[in-house]
Amino acid sequence: MTKTQPGKTQSSRTQTVDTPAGPARITWHPGSKARLVLAVSHGAGGGIEARDLRALAAALPAQGVTVALVEQPWRVAGKKVAPAPKTLDTGWRALWPALEEPGLPVIAGGRSAGARVACRTARELGAHAVLALSFPLHPPGKPEKSRADELLGSGVPTLVVQGGNDPFGKPAEFPSGGAYELVEVPYGDHGFAVPKRAEIGQEESVALITDAVSGWIEGLLE
């Protein structure tokens, strides 16, 4: 069952979706003459207020992309610690039909843990593509515990956007020859924050993310 509520602005609305893991929440940012839906979820340590998710929701609707910001049940419930990957996948699978309701192709996306969920479930759910923001290739300081198999196993066109200084996996650490594209955000950490001494400013780094995602999506629609 889903429940729709007015959003905080005239251009967005929130929808609650019941899942076996508890209620999830989707904040819809409708695209102008939308051609597809980009559904993106948050990581294990934050919510949809992350700078990259907010930037995509602000920039892409004008380009014909409906952005659906997804809050997993644990986050909706106010918990501070994310559950096991299996539970995250359960919540994502259960809300997928709501993401397909507009009748448009759906890109499965997420940042960090949300990117892992999108990769693990893309093929079975029929995702059009995967957007992996800050993919956690390995735990910090433990490159031997690689999660590359999740990324390489998405089975659909995949874009990775990775900070150049991400402790969960720098761009150079990603496997070569994989069926995915990778865009580096220079100096960016796991949250795409850049230090003040960097040659690229914070606004410029965020613009790099939205431009890269927009260009990639245009390529998918050609």
N, C-alpha and C. Protein backbone atom coordinates (compact mmCIF):
# COMPACT_ATOMS: atom_id res chain seq x y z
N MET A 1 0.85 -1.20 0.00
CA MET A 1 0.00 0.00 0.00
C MET A 1 0.88 1.24 0.00
N THR A 2 0.49 2.25 -0.74
CA THR A 2 1.23 3.50 -0.77
C THR A 2 0.34 4.65 -0.33
N LYS A 3 0.96 5.62 0.27
CA LYS A 3 0.25 6.82 0.69
C LYS A 3 1.02 8.02 0.16
N THR A 4 0.31 8.92 -0.50
CA THR A 4 0.93 10.09 -1.09
C THR A 4 0.58 11.32 -0.28
N GLN A 5 1.60 12.15 -0.02
CA GLN A 5 1.41 13.37 0.75
C GLN A 5 1.99 14.53 -0.03
N PRO A 6 1.47 15.74 0.20
CA PRO A 6 2.05 16.90 -0.48
C PRO A 6 3.51 17.06 -0.08
N GLY A 7 4.36 17.45 -1.03
CA GLY A 7 5.76 17.67 -0.74
C GLY A 7 5.98 19.03 -0.11
N LYS A 8 7.26 19.33 0.18
CA LYS A 8 7.61 20.60 0.79
C LYS A 8 7.53 21.75 -0.22
N THR A 9 7.60 21.40 -1.49
CA THR A 9 7.47 22.42 -2.52
C THR A 9 6.39 21.99 -3.49
N GLN A 10 5.98 22.91 -4.34
CA GLN A 10 4.94 22.60 -5.30
C GLN A 10 5.40 21.56 -6.32
N SER A 11 6.72 21.44 -6.51
CA SER A 11 7.23 20.56 -7.56
C SER A 11 7.57 19.16 -7.05
N SER A 12 7.40 18.90 -5.76
CA SER A 12 7.74 17.58 -5.24
C SER A 12 6.61 17.04 -4.38
N ARG A 13 6.60 15.73 -4.22
CA ARG A 13 5.62 15.09 -3.36
C ARG A 13 6.27 13.88 -2.72
N THR A 14 5.77 13.48 -1.57
CA THR A 14 6.30 12.31 -0.89
C THR A 14 5.29 11.17 -0.92
N GLN A 15 5.79 9.97 -0.97
CA GLN A 15 4.97 8.78 -1.05
C GLN A 15 5.52 7.74 -0.08
N THR A 16 4.67 7.21 0.77
CA THR A 16 5.07 6.16 1.70
C THR A 16 4.69 4.80 1.12
N VAL A 17 5.64 3.89 1.14
CA VAL A 17 5.43 2.56 0.57
C VAL A 17 5.69 1.51 1.64
N ASP A 18 4.71 0.66 1.88
CA ASP A 18 4.89 -0.42 2.85
C ASP A 18 5.79 -1.51 2.27
N THR A 19 6.76 -1.97 3.06
CA THR A 19 7.64 -3.06 2.66
C THR A 19 7.77 -4.04 3.81
N PRO A 20 8.24 -5.26 3.57
CA PRO A 20 8.44 -6.22 4.66
C PRO A 20 9.42 -5.73 5.72
N ALA A 21 10.25 -4.75 5.37
CA ALA A 21 11.21 -4.21 6.32
C ALA A 21 10.67 -2.97 7.03
N GLY A 22 9.43 -2.58 6.74
CA GLY A 22 8.84 -1.39 7.31
C GLY A 22 8.55 -0.37 6.23
N PRO A 23 7.89 0.74 6.58
CA PRO A 23 7.56 1.75 5.58
C PRO A 23 8.80 2.43 5.00
N ALA A 24 8.83 2.54 3.69
CA ALA A 24 9.87 3.31 3.00
C ALA A 24 9.23 4.60 2.49
N ARG A 25 10.05 5.54 2.07
CA ARG A 25 9.50 6.82 1.62
C ARG A 25 10.20 7.26 0.33
N ILE A 26 9.40 7.72 -0.63
CA ILE A 26 9.92 8.24 -1.89
C ILE A 26 9.55 9.71 -1.99
N THR A 27 10.52 10.54 -2.25
CA THR A 27 10.25 11.95 -2.54
C THR A 27 10.43 12.15 -4.04
N TRP A 28 9.32 12.44 -4.70
CA TRP A 28 9.30 12.56 -6.16
C TRP A 28 9.59 14.00 -6.59
N HIS A 29 10.49 14.14 -7.55
CA HIS A 29 10.76 15.42 -8.19
C HIS A 29 10.46 15.23 -9.68
N PRO A 30 9.22 15.51 -10.11
CA PRO A 30 8.78 15.20 -11.47
C PRO A 30 9.57 15.95 -12.53
N GLY A 31 9.91 15.22 -13.59
CA GLY A 31 10.61 15.84 -14.71
C GLY A 31 9.66 16.49 -15.69
N SER A 32 10.14 17.50 -16.38
CA SER A 32 9.36 18.15 -17.43
C SER A 32 9.35 17.25 -18.66
N LYS A 33 8.15 16.80 -19.06
CA LYS A 33 8.03 15.85 -20.17
C LYS A 33 8.97 14.68 -19.95
N ALA A 34 8.84 14.06 -18.79
CA ALA A 34 9.77 13.02 -18.34
C ALA A 34 9.89 11.86 -19.31
N ARG A 35 11.14 11.43 -19.51
CA ARG A 35 11.44 10.30 -20.38
C ARG A 35 11.88 9.08 -19.59
N LEU A 36 12.32 9.28 -18.36
CA LEU A 36 12.68 8.16 -17.50
C LEU A 36 12.69 8.60 -16.06
N VAL A 37 12.83 7.62 -15.16
CA VAL A 37 12.90 7.86 -13.72
C VAL A 37 14.28 7.48 -13.23
N LEU A 38 14.90 8.36 -12.47
CA LEU A 38 16.15 8.06 -11.78
C LEU A 38 15.81 7.90 -10.30
N ALA A 39 15.89 6.67 -9.81
CA ALA A 39 15.60 6.39 -8.40
C ALA A 39 16.92 6.23 -7.65
N VAL A 40 17.16 7.07 -6.67
CA VAL A 40 18.43 7.01 -5.94
C VAL A 40 18.18 6.96 -4.44
N SER A 41 18.91 6.06 -3.78
CA SER A 41 18.80 5.90 -2.34
C SER A 41 20.08 6.37 -1.66
N HIS A 42 19.99 6.56 -0.38
CA HIS A 42 21.10 7.10 0.42
C HIS A 42 22.05 5.98 0.87
N GLY A 43 23.07 6.39 1.61
CA GLY A 43 24.02 5.44 2.15
C GLY A 43 23.66 4.98 3.55
N ALA A 44 24.61 4.27 4.18
CA ALA A 44 24.36 3.72 5.51
C ALA A 44 24.55 4.75 6.61
N GLY A 45 25.15 5.89 6.28
CA GLY A 45 25.42 6.88 7.32
C GLY A 45 24.72 8.21 7.12
N GLY A 46 23.77 8.27 6.22
CA GLY A 46 23.10 9.54 5.97
C GLY A 46 21.81 9.33 5.21
N GLY A 47 21.18 10.44 4.83
CA GLY A 47 19.89 10.36 4.16
C GLY A 47 19.90 11.05 2.82
N ILE A 48 18.71 11.39 2.34
CA ILE A 48 18.58 11.99 1.01
C ILE A 48 18.99 13.46 0.99
N GLU A 49 19.45 13.96 2.13
CA GLU A 49 19.95 15.33 2.16
C GLU A 49 21.40 15.43 1.68
N ALA A 50 22.01 14.33 1.30
CA ALA A 50 23.37 14.33 0.79
C ALA A 50 23.50 15.30 -0.40
N ARG A 51 24.63 15.97 -0.49
CA ARG A 51 24.80 17.03 -1.49
C ARG A 51 24.61 16.54 -2.92
N ASP A 52 25.07 15.33 -3.22
CA ASP A 52 24.94 14.84 -4.59
C ASP A 52 23.49 14.49 -4.92
N LEU A 53 22.77 13.91 -3.97
CA LEU A 53 21.37 13.56 -4.22
C LEU A 53 20.52 14.82 -4.37
N ARG A 54 20.75 15.81 -3.52
CA ARG A 54 19.99 17.06 -3.64
C ARG A 54 20.28 17.76 -4.96
N ALA A 55 21.53 17.72 -5.39
CA ALA A 55 21.91 18.38 -6.63
C ALA A 55 21.24 17.70 -7.83
N LEU A 56 21.20 16.39 -7.84
CA LEU A 56 20.55 15.68 -8.95
C LEU A 56 19.06 15.97 -8.99
N ALA A 57 18.43 16.02 -7.81
CA ALA A 57 17.00 16.30 -7.75
C ALA A 57 16.68 17.71 -8.22
N ALA A 58 17.63 18.62 -8.04
CA ALA A 58 17.41 20.00 -8.46
C ALA A 58 17.69 20.22 -9.94
N ALA A 59 18.66 19.48 -10.50
CA ALA A 59 19.11 19.75 -11.86
C ALA A 59 18.42 18.93 -12.94
N LEU A 60 18.12 17.66 -12.66
CA LEU A 60 17.69 16.76 -13.73
C LEU A 60 16.23 16.90 -14.19
N PRO A 61 15.27 17.27 -13.32
CA PRO A 61 13.89 17.37 -13.80
C PRO A 61 13.72 18.29 -15.00
N ALA A 62 14.48 19.37 -15.07
CA ALA A 62 14.37 20.28 -16.21
C ALA A 62 14.86 19.63 -17.51
N GLN A 63 15.56 18.52 -17.38
CA GLN A 63 16.10 17.82 -18.54
C GLN A 63 15.29 16.56 -18.87
N GLY A 64 14.08 16.49 -18.34
CA GLY A 64 13.20 15.38 -18.67
C GLY A 64 13.41 14.13 -17.85
N VAL A 65 14.00 14.28 -16.68
CA VAL A 65 14.24 13.13 -15.80
C VAL A 65 13.49 13.33 -14.49
N THR A 66 12.60 12.40 -14.17
CA THR A 66 11.95 12.42 -12.87
C THR A 66 12.89 11.78 -11.86
N VAL A 67 13.22 12.51 -10.80
CA VAL A 67 14.13 11.99 -9.78
C VAL A 67 13.31 11.55 -8.57
N ALA A 68 13.52 10.30 -8.17
CA ALA A 68 12.85 9.74 -7.00
C ALA A 68 13.89 9.48 -5.92
N LEU A 69 13.87 10.28 -4.86
CA LEU A 69 14.80 10.08 -3.75
C LEU A 69 14.19 9.10 -2.77
N VAL A 70 14.87 7.99 -2.56
CA VAL A 70 14.31 6.89 -1.78
C VAL A 70 14.95 6.81 -0.40
N GLU A 71 14.09 6.77 0.63
CA GLU A 71 14.55 6.57 2.00
C GLU A 71 14.18 5.17 2.45
N GLN A 72 15.19 4.40 2.79
CA GLN A 72 14.99 3.03 3.21
C GLN A 72 14.23 2.99 4.55
N PRO A 73 13.54 1.87 4.84
CA PRO A 73 12.73 1.78 6.06
C PRO A 73 13.48 2.12 7.34
N TRP A 74 14.72 1.71 7.46
CA TRP A 74 15.45 1.99 8.70
C TRP A 74 15.63 3.48 8.91
N ARG A 75 15.79 4.21 7.81
CA ARG A 75 15.96 5.65 7.91
C ARG A 75 14.63 6.33 8.25
N VAL A 76 13.56 5.85 7.64
CA VAL A 76 12.23 6.39 7.93
C VAL A 76 11.87 6.17 9.39
N ALA A 77 12.31 5.05 9.94
CA ALA A 77 12.02 4.72 11.34
C ALA A 77 12.89 5.50 12.32
N GLY A 78 13.83 6.29 11.82
CA GLY A 78 14.66 7.10 12.69
C GLY A 78 15.85 6.38 13.29
N LYS A 79 16.18 5.19 12.76
CA LYS A 79 17.32 4.45 13.29
C LYS A 79 18.62 5.03 12.73
N LYS A 80 19.69 4.88 13.50
CA LYS A 80 20.97 5.46 13.12
C LYS A 80 21.89 4.47 12.42
N VAL A 81 21.58 3.19 12.54
CA VAL A 81 22.44 2.17 11.97
C VAL A 81 21.67 1.38 10.92
N ALA A 82 22.24 1.24 9.75
CA ALA A 82 21.59 0.51 8.68
C ALA A 82 21.60 -0.99 8.97
N PRO A 83 20.58 -1.71 8.52
CA PRO A 83 20.53 -3.16 8.72
C PRO A 83 21.44 -3.89 7.73
N ALA A 84 21.39 -5.20 7.75
CA ALA A 84 22.21 -6.03 6.87
C ALA A 84 21.83 -5.82 5.42
N PRO A 85 22.76 -6.06 4.49
CA PRO A 85 22.48 -5.89 3.07
C PRO A 85 21.22 -6.63 2.61
N LYS A 86 20.97 -7.81 3.13
CA LYS A 86 19.78 -8.57 2.73
C LYS A 86 18.51 -7.79 3.02
N THR A 87 18.47 -7.11 4.17
CA THR A 87 17.29 -6.33 4.54
C THR A 87 17.16 -5.09 3.66
N LEU A 88 18.29 -4.47 3.32
CA LEU A 88 18.26 -3.33 2.42
C LEU A 88 17.70 -3.74 1.05
N ASP A 89 18.13 -4.89 0.58
CA ASP A 89 17.63 -5.38 -0.71
C ASP A 89 16.14 -5.66 -0.65
N THR A 90 15.66 -6.19 0.47
CA THR A 90 14.24 -6.49 0.64
C THR A 90 13.39 -5.22 0.52
N GLY A 91 13.83 -4.16 1.19
CA GLY A 91 13.10 -2.90 1.11
C GLY A 91 13.09 -2.33 -0.29
N TRP A 92 14.22 -2.40 -0.96
CA TRP A 92 14.34 -1.86 -2.32
C TRP A 92 13.45 -2.62 -3.30
N ARG A 93 13.47 -3.94 -3.20
CA ARG A 93 12.64 -4.75 -4.10
C ARG A 93 11.16 -4.43 -3.92
N ALA A 94 10.74 -4.25 -2.66
CA ALA A 94 9.33 -4.04 -2.37
C ALA A 94 8.82 -2.69 -2.87
N LEU A 95 9.68 -1.70 -2.94
CA LEU A 95 9.21 -0.38 -3.39
C LEU A 95 9.40 -0.19 -4.89
N TRP A 96 10.04 -1.15 -5.55
CA TRP A 96 10.29 -1.02 -6.99
C TRP A 96 9.00 -0.82 -7.81
N PRO A 97 7.92 -1.56 -7.52
CA PRO A 97 6.69 -1.33 -8.29
C PRO A 97 6.22 0.12 -8.24
N ALA A 98 6.40 0.79 -7.11
CA ALA A 98 6.01 2.21 -7.02
C ALA A 98 6.88 3.07 -7.93
N LEU A 99 8.14 2.70 -8.08
CA LEU A 99 9.04 3.45 -8.96
C LEU A 99 8.67 3.25 -10.42
N GLU A 100 8.04 2.12 -10.74
CA GLU A 100 7.63 1.83 -12.11
C GLU A 100 6.26 2.40 -12.46
N GLU A 101 5.54 2.92 -11.47
CA GLU A 101 4.18 3.39 -11.70
C GLU A 101 4.08 4.46 -12.79
N PRO A 102 5.06 5.37 -12.94
CA PRO A 102 4.94 6.35 -14.03
C PRO A 102 4.98 5.74 -15.42
N GLY A 103 5.35 4.46 -15.52
CA GLY A 103 5.38 3.81 -16.82
C GLY A 103 6.59 4.17 -17.66
N LEU A 104 7.67 4.56 -17.02
CA LEU A 104 8.90 4.96 -17.71
C LEU A 104 10.04 4.03 -17.34
N PRO A 105 11.09 3.97 -18.16
CA PRO A 105 12.28 3.20 -17.77
C PRO A 105 12.83 3.74 -16.45
N VAL A 106 13.33 2.85 -15.61
CA VAL A 106 13.84 3.26 -14.30
C VAL A 106 15.33 2.96 -14.20
N ILE A 107 16.11 3.99 -13.88
CA ILE A 107 17.52 3.81 -13.56
C ILE A 107 17.61 3.59 -12.06
N ALA A 108 18.21 2.48 -11.64
CA ALA A 108 18.40 2.21 -10.22
C ALA A 108 19.69 2.88 -9.77
N GLY A 109 19.60 3.67 -8.73
CA GLY A 109 20.78 4.39 -8.28
C GLY A 109 20.88 4.47 -6.77
N GLY A 110 22.03 4.92 -6.33
CA GLY A 110 22.22 5.10 -4.90
C GLY A 110 23.62 5.58 -4.63
N ARG A 111 23.81 6.05 -3.41
CA ARG A 111 25.16 6.43 -3.00
C ARG A 111 25.63 5.44 -1.93
N SER A 112 26.89 5.05 -2.00
CA SER A 112 27.52 4.16 -1.03
C SER A 112 26.74 2.84 -0.90
N ALA A 113 26.19 2.56 0.29
CA ALA A 113 25.44 1.31 0.47
C ALA A 113 24.26 1.23 -0.50
N GLY A 114 23.66 2.38 -0.82
CA GLY A 114 22.56 2.40 -1.77
C GLY A 114 23.01 2.00 -3.17
N ALA A 115 24.25 2.32 -3.51
CA ALA A 115 24.80 1.92 -4.81
C ALA A 115 24.97 0.41 -4.87
N ARG A 116 25.38 -0.18 -3.75
CA ARG A 116 25.54 -1.63 -3.70
C ARG A 116 24.18 -2.32 -3.90
N VAL A 117 23.16 -1.80 -3.26
CA VAL A 117 21.81 -2.36 -3.41
C VAL A 117 21.38 -2.30 -4.87
N ALA A 118 21.59 -1.15 -5.50
CA ALA A 118 21.18 -0.98 -6.90
C ALA A 118 21.89 -1.98 -7.80
N CYS A 119 23.19 -2.18 -7.58
CA CYS A 119 23.94 -3.13 -8.39
C CYS A 119 23.47 -4.57 -8.17
N ARG A 120 23.23 -4.93 -6.91
CA ARG A 120 22.86 -6.32 -6.60
C ARG A 120 21.51 -6.71 -7.17
N THR A 121 20.61 -5.75 -7.32
CA THR A 121 19.23 -6.08 -7.70
C THR A 121 18.84 -5.63 -9.10
N ALA A 122 19.73 -4.95 -9.82
CA ALA A 122 19.36 -4.33 -11.10
C ALA A 122 18.83 -5.32 -12.11
N ARG A 123 19.53 -6.41 -12.27
CA ARG A 123 19.15 -7.36 -13.32
C ARG A 123 17.78 -7.97 -13.03
N GLU A 124 17.57 -8.43 -11.79
CA GLU A 124 16.31 -9.10 -11.47
C GLU A 124 15.11 -8.16 -11.52
N LEU A 125 15.32 -6.89 -11.22
CA LEU A 125 14.21 -5.93 -11.21
C LEU A 125 13.96 -5.31 -12.58
N GLY A 126 14.84 -5.54 -13.51
CA GLY A 126 14.66 -4.98 -14.84
C GLY A 126 15.04 -3.52 -14.93
N ALA A 127 16.01 -3.09 -14.12
CA ALA A 127 16.47 -1.69 -14.18
C ALA A 127 17.05 -1.38 -15.55
N HIS A 128 16.82 -0.17 -16.02
CA HIS A 128 17.33 0.26 -17.32
C HIS A 128 18.84 0.45 -17.27
N ALA A 129 19.34 0.88 -16.12
CA ALA A 129 20.77 1.13 -15.92
C ALA A 129 20.99 1.32 -14.42
N VAL A 130 22.26 1.51 -14.03
CA VAL A 130 22.60 1.74 -12.62
C VAL A 130 23.49 2.97 -12.51
N LEU A 131 23.17 3.83 -11.55
CA LEU A 131 24.02 4.96 -11.19
C LEU A 131 24.59 4.68 -9.80
N ALA A 132 25.91 4.53 -9.73
CA ALA A 132 26.58 4.23 -8.46
C ALA A 132 27.39 5.44 -8.02
N LEU A 133 26.90 6.14 -7.01
CA LEU A 133 27.59 7.31 -6.47
C LEU A 133 28.42 6.88 -5.26
N SER A 134 29.71 7.19 -5.29
CA SER A 134 30.61 6.81 -4.18
C SER A 134 30.49 5.32 -3.86
N PHE A 135 30.68 4.49 -4.88
CA PHE A 135 30.57 3.05 -4.66
C PHE A 135 31.64 2.61 -3.66
N PRO A 136 31.24 1.94 -2.56
CA PRO A 136 32.21 1.52 -1.54
C PRO A 136 32.92 0.24 -1.97
N LEU A 137 33.96 0.40 -2.77
CA LEU A 137 34.67 -0.74 -3.34
C LEU A 137 35.22 -1.66 -2.26
N HIS A 138 35.60 -1.08 -1.13
CA HIS A 138 36.10 -1.87 0.00
C HIS A 138 35.99 -1.04 1.27
N PRO A 139 36.01 -1.66 2.45
CA PRO A 139 36.04 -0.86 3.68
C PRO A 139 37.34 -0.07 3.74
N PRO A 140 37.33 1.10 4.37
CA PRO A 140 38.55 1.91 4.45
C PRO A 140 39.73 1.12 5.02
N GLY A 141 40.84 1.16 4.32
CA GLY A 141 42.05 0.48 4.79
C GLY A 141 42.06 -1.01 4.59
N LYS A 142 41.04 -1.56 3.91
CA LYS A 142 40.97 -3.01 3.70
C LYS A 142 40.69 -3.34 2.23
N PRO A 143 41.63 -3.00 1.34
CA PRO A 143 41.39 -3.23 -0.08
C PRO A 143 41.23 -4.71 -0.44
N GLU A 144 41.68 -5.59 0.44
CA GLU A 144 41.54 -7.02 0.16
C GLU A 144 40.09 -7.49 0.25
N LYS A 145 39.23 -6.71 0.90
CA LYS A 145 37.82 -7.06 1.02
C LYS A 145 37.02 -6.34 -0.07
N SER A 146 37.32 -6.68 -1.30
CA SER A 146 36.74 -5.99 -2.45
C SER A 146 35.28 -6.38 -2.67
N ARG A 147 34.50 -5.39 -3.10
CA ARG A 147 33.10 -5.62 -3.48
C ARG A 147 32.92 -5.43 -4.98
N ALA A 148 34.01 -5.58 -5.72
CA ALA A 148 33.97 -5.37 -7.16
C ALA A 148 32.98 -6.31 -7.85
N ASP A 149 32.78 -7.49 -7.27
CA ASP A 149 31.87 -8.45 -7.92
C ASP A 149 30.45 -7.90 -7.98
N GLU A 150 30.04 -7.10 -6.98
CA GLU A 150 28.70 -6.51 -7.01
C GLU A 150 28.59 -5.51 -8.15
N LEU A 151 29.59 -4.68 -8.30
CA LEU A 151 29.59 -3.68 -9.36
C LEU A 151 29.62 -4.34 -10.73
N LEU A 152 30.51 -5.29 -10.90
CA LEU A 152 30.67 -5.94 -12.19
C LEU A 152 29.49 -6.83 -12.54
N GLY A 153 28.71 -7.20 -11.53
CA GLY A 153 27.58 -8.09 -11.77
C GLY A 153 26.25 -7.40 -11.97
N SER A 154 26.25 -6.07 -12.13
CA SER A 154 24.97 -5.35 -12.26
C SER A 154 24.19 -5.82 -13.49
N GLY A 155 24.89 -6.15 -14.56
CA GLY A 155 24.23 -6.68 -15.76
C GLY A 155 23.57 -5.64 -16.64
N VAL A 156 23.71 -4.37 -16.31
CA VAL A 156 23.11 -3.28 -17.10
C VAL A 156 24.14 -2.16 -17.22
N PRO A 157 23.94 -1.20 -18.15
CA PRO A 157 24.87 -0.06 -18.24
C PRO A 157 25.00 0.62 -16.88
N THR A 158 26.23 0.86 -16.47
CA THR A 158 26.48 1.39 -15.12
C THR A 158 27.46 2.56 -15.17
N LEU A 159 27.11 3.61 -14.43
CA LEU A 159 28.01 4.76 -14.27
C LEU A 159 28.42 4.85 -12.81
N VAL A 160 29.72 4.91 -12.57
CA VAL A 160 30.26 5.13 -11.24
C VAL A 160 30.78 6.56 -11.17
N VAL A 161 30.37 7.31 -10.17
CA VAL A 161 30.90 8.64 -9.92
C VAL A 161 31.64 8.56 -8.58
N GLN A 162 32.95 8.76 -8.62
CA GLN A 162 33.79 8.48 -7.44
C GLN A 162 34.69 9.64 -7.10
N GLY A 163 34.77 9.94 -5.82
CA GLY A 163 35.68 10.98 -5.37
C GLY A 163 37.13 10.54 -5.52
N GLY A 164 37.99 11.45 -5.93
CA GLY A 164 39.39 11.11 -6.14
C GLY A 164 40.12 10.74 -4.86
N ASN A 165 39.56 11.11 -3.72
CA ASN A 165 40.20 10.81 -2.43
C ASN A 165 39.25 10.02 -1.53
N ASP A 166 38.46 9.13 -2.14
CA ASP A 166 37.48 8.35 -1.38
C ASP A 166 38.17 7.19 -0.67
N PRO A 167 38.14 7.15 0.66
CA PRO A 167 38.80 6.06 1.39
C PRO A 167 38.16 4.70 1.18
N PHE A 168 36.93 4.69 0.63
CA PHE A 168 36.26 3.42 0.33
C PHE A 168 36.64 2.89 -1.06
N GLY A 169 37.55 3.57 -1.73
CA GLY A 169 37.99 3.14 -3.04
C GLY A 169 38.25 4.31 -3.95
N LYS A 170 39.52 4.57 -4.22
CA LYS A 170 39.88 5.64 -5.15
C LYS A 170 39.68 5.15 -6.58
N PRO A 171 39.44 6.05 -7.53
CA PRO A 171 39.20 5.63 -8.91
C PRO A 171 40.23 4.66 -9.46
N ALA A 172 41.50 4.86 -9.15
CA ALA A 172 42.56 4.00 -9.68
C ALA A 172 42.47 2.57 -9.16
N GLU A 173 41.74 2.36 -8.07
CA GLU A 173 41.61 1.03 -7.50
C GLU A 173 40.54 0.19 -8.18
N PHE A 174 39.70 0.80 -8.96
CA PHE A 174 38.61 0.06 -9.59
C PHE A 174 39.16 -0.85 -10.68
N PRO A 175 38.55 -2.02 -10.85
CA PRO A 175 39.05 -2.98 -11.84
C PRO A 175 38.93 -2.43 -13.25
N SER A 176 39.94 -2.70 -14.05
CA SER A 176 39.92 -2.25 -15.45
C SER A 176 39.18 -3.28 -16.30
N GLY A 177 38.66 -2.80 -17.41
CA GLY A 177 37.99 -3.71 -18.32
C GLY A 177 36.57 -4.07 -17.95
N GLY A 178 36.06 -3.45 -16.89
CA GLY A 178 34.69 -3.74 -16.49
C GLY A 178 33.68 -3.06 -17.39
N ALA A 179 32.49 -3.60 -17.43
CA ALA A 179 31.43 -3.03 -18.28
C ALA A 179 30.74 -1.88 -17.56
N TYR A 180 31.50 -0.85 -17.24
CA TYR A 180 30.95 0.32 -16.58
C TYR A 180 31.79 1.53 -16.96
N GLU A 181 31.21 2.71 -16.75
CA GLU A 181 31.94 3.95 -16.95
C GLU A 181 32.25 4.55 -15.59
N LEU A 182 33.36 5.26 -15.49
CA LEU A 182 33.74 5.86 -14.21
C LEU A 182 34.12 7.32 -14.42
N VAL A 183 33.53 8.19 -13.62
CA VAL A 183 33.84 9.61 -13.63
C VAL A 183 34.44 9.98 -12.28
N GLU A 184 35.58 10.63 -12.31
CA GLU A 184 36.24 11.03 -11.06
C GLU A 184 35.90 12.47 -10.70
N VAL A 185 35.61 12.68 -9.43
CA VAL A 185 35.44 14.03 -8.89
C VAL A 185 36.74 14.36 -8.17
N PRO A 186 37.61 15.18 -8.76
CA PRO A 186 38.92 15.44 -8.18
C PRO A 186 38.85 15.91 -6.73
N TYR A 187 39.72 15.34 -5.91
CA TYR A 187 39.87 15.71 -4.50
C TYR A 187 38.69 15.29 -3.62
N GLY A 188 37.61 14.78 -4.21
CA GLY A 188 36.41 14.49 -3.42
C GLY A 188 36.59 13.31 -2.47
N ASP A 189 35.97 13.42 -1.30
CA ASP A 189 35.97 12.30 -0.36
C ASP A 189 34.71 11.46 -0.60
N HIS A 190 34.34 10.63 0.36
CA HIS A 190 33.20 9.73 0.16
C HIS A 190 31.88 10.48 0.01
N GLY A 191 31.83 11.69 0.56
CA GLY A 191 30.63 12.52 0.43
C GLY A 191 30.78 13.60 -0.63
N PHE A 192 31.84 13.50 -1.43
CA PHE A 192 32.17 14.46 -2.49
C PHE A 192 32.53 15.83 -1.94
N ALA A 193 32.91 15.90 -0.67
CA ALA A 193 33.42 17.15 -0.13
C ALA A 193 34.86 17.33 -0.61
N VAL A 194 35.22 18.55 -0.97
CA VAL A 194 36.58 18.83 -1.42
C VAL A 194 37.22 19.82 -0.43
N PRO A 195 38.51 19.66 -0.15
CA PRO A 195 39.18 20.57 0.79
C PRO A 195 39.32 21.97 0.20
N LYS A 196 39.43 22.95 1.07
CA LYS A 196 39.53 24.34 0.62
C LYS A 196 40.77 24.58 -0.23
N ARG A 197 41.80 23.79 0.00
CA ARG A 197 43.05 23.97 -0.76
C ARG A 197 42.97 23.36 -2.17
N ALA A 198 41.90 22.66 -2.47
CA ALA A 198 41.79 21.97 -3.75
C ALA A 198 41.68 22.97 -4.90
N GLU A 199 42.07 22.52 -6.08
CA GLU A 199 42.02 23.36 -7.27
C GLU A 199 40.60 23.46 -7.82
N ILE A 200 39.68 22.68 -7.28
CA ILE A 200 38.29 22.70 -7.69
C ILE A 200 37.43 23.04 -6.48
N GLY A 201 36.48 23.95 -6.64
CA GLY A 201 35.62 24.35 -5.54
C GLY A 201 34.47 23.39 -5.34
N GLN A 202 33.77 23.55 -4.21
CA GLN A 202 32.67 22.64 -3.90
C GLN A 202 31.54 22.74 -4.91
N GLU A 203 31.16 23.94 -5.29
CA GLU A 203 30.09 24.09 -6.27
C GLU A 203 30.50 23.50 -7.62
N GLU A 204 31.74 23.67 -7.97
CA GLU A 204 32.25 23.13 -9.24
C GLU A 204 32.24 21.60 -9.22
N SER A 205 32.56 21.03 -8.07
CA SER A 205 32.58 19.57 -7.98
C SER A 205 31.17 19.00 -8.09
N VAL A 206 30.21 19.68 -7.49
CA VAL A 206 28.82 19.22 -7.57
C VAL A 206 28.31 19.36 -9.00
N ALA A 207 28.68 20.44 -9.67
CA ALA A 207 28.28 20.63 -11.06
C ALA A 207 28.88 19.54 -11.94
N LEU A 208 30.09 19.11 -11.61
CA LEU A 208 30.72 18.04 -12.37
C LEU A 208 29.89 16.76 -12.27
N ILE A 209 29.35 16.49 -11.08
CA ILE A 209 28.51 15.31 -10.87
C ILE A 209 27.24 15.38 -11.70
N THR A 210 26.53 16.49 -11.59
CA THR A 210 25.26 16.60 -12.31
C THR A 210 25.47 16.61 -13.82
N ASP A 211 26.53 17.24 -14.29
CA ASP A 211 26.81 17.26 -15.73
C ASP A 211 27.14 15.85 -16.23
N ALA A 212 27.93 15.12 -15.45
CA ALA A 212 28.33 13.76 -15.85
C ALA A 212 27.11 12.84 -15.92
N VAL A 213 26.25 12.94 -14.91
CA VAL A 213 25.06 12.08 -14.88
C VAL A 213 24.11 12.46 -16.01
N SER A 214 23.93 13.76 -16.23
CA SER A 214 23.05 14.22 -17.29
C SER A 214 23.53 13.74 -18.66
N GLY A 215 24.82 13.87 -18.92
CA GLY A 215 25.37 13.44 -20.19
C GLY A 215 25.25 11.93 -20.39
N TRP A 216 25.48 11.19 -19.33
CA TRP A 216 25.36 9.73 -19.40
C TRP A 216 23.93 9.32 -19.71
N ILE A 217 22.97 9.97 -19.03
CA ILE A 217 21.56 9.64 -19.27
C ILE A 217 21.16 9.96 -20.72
N GLU A 218 21.64 11.08 -21.24
CA GLU A 218 21.34 11.42 -22.63
C GLU A 218 21.84 10.34 -23.57
N GLY A 219 23.01 9.79 -23.25
CA GLY A 219 23.57 8.71 -24.06
C GLY A 219 22.71 7.45 -24.01
N LEU A 220 22.10 7.19 -22.85
CA LEU A 220 21.24 6.03 -22.72
C LEU A 220 19.97 6.18 -23.55
N LEU A 221 19.53 7.42 -23.73
CA LEU A 221 18.26 7.67 -24.43
C LEU A 221 18.43 7.75 -25.94
N GLU A 222 19.66 7.82 -26.41
CA GLU A 222 19.90 7.95 -27.85
C GLU A 222 19.58 6.65 -28.59
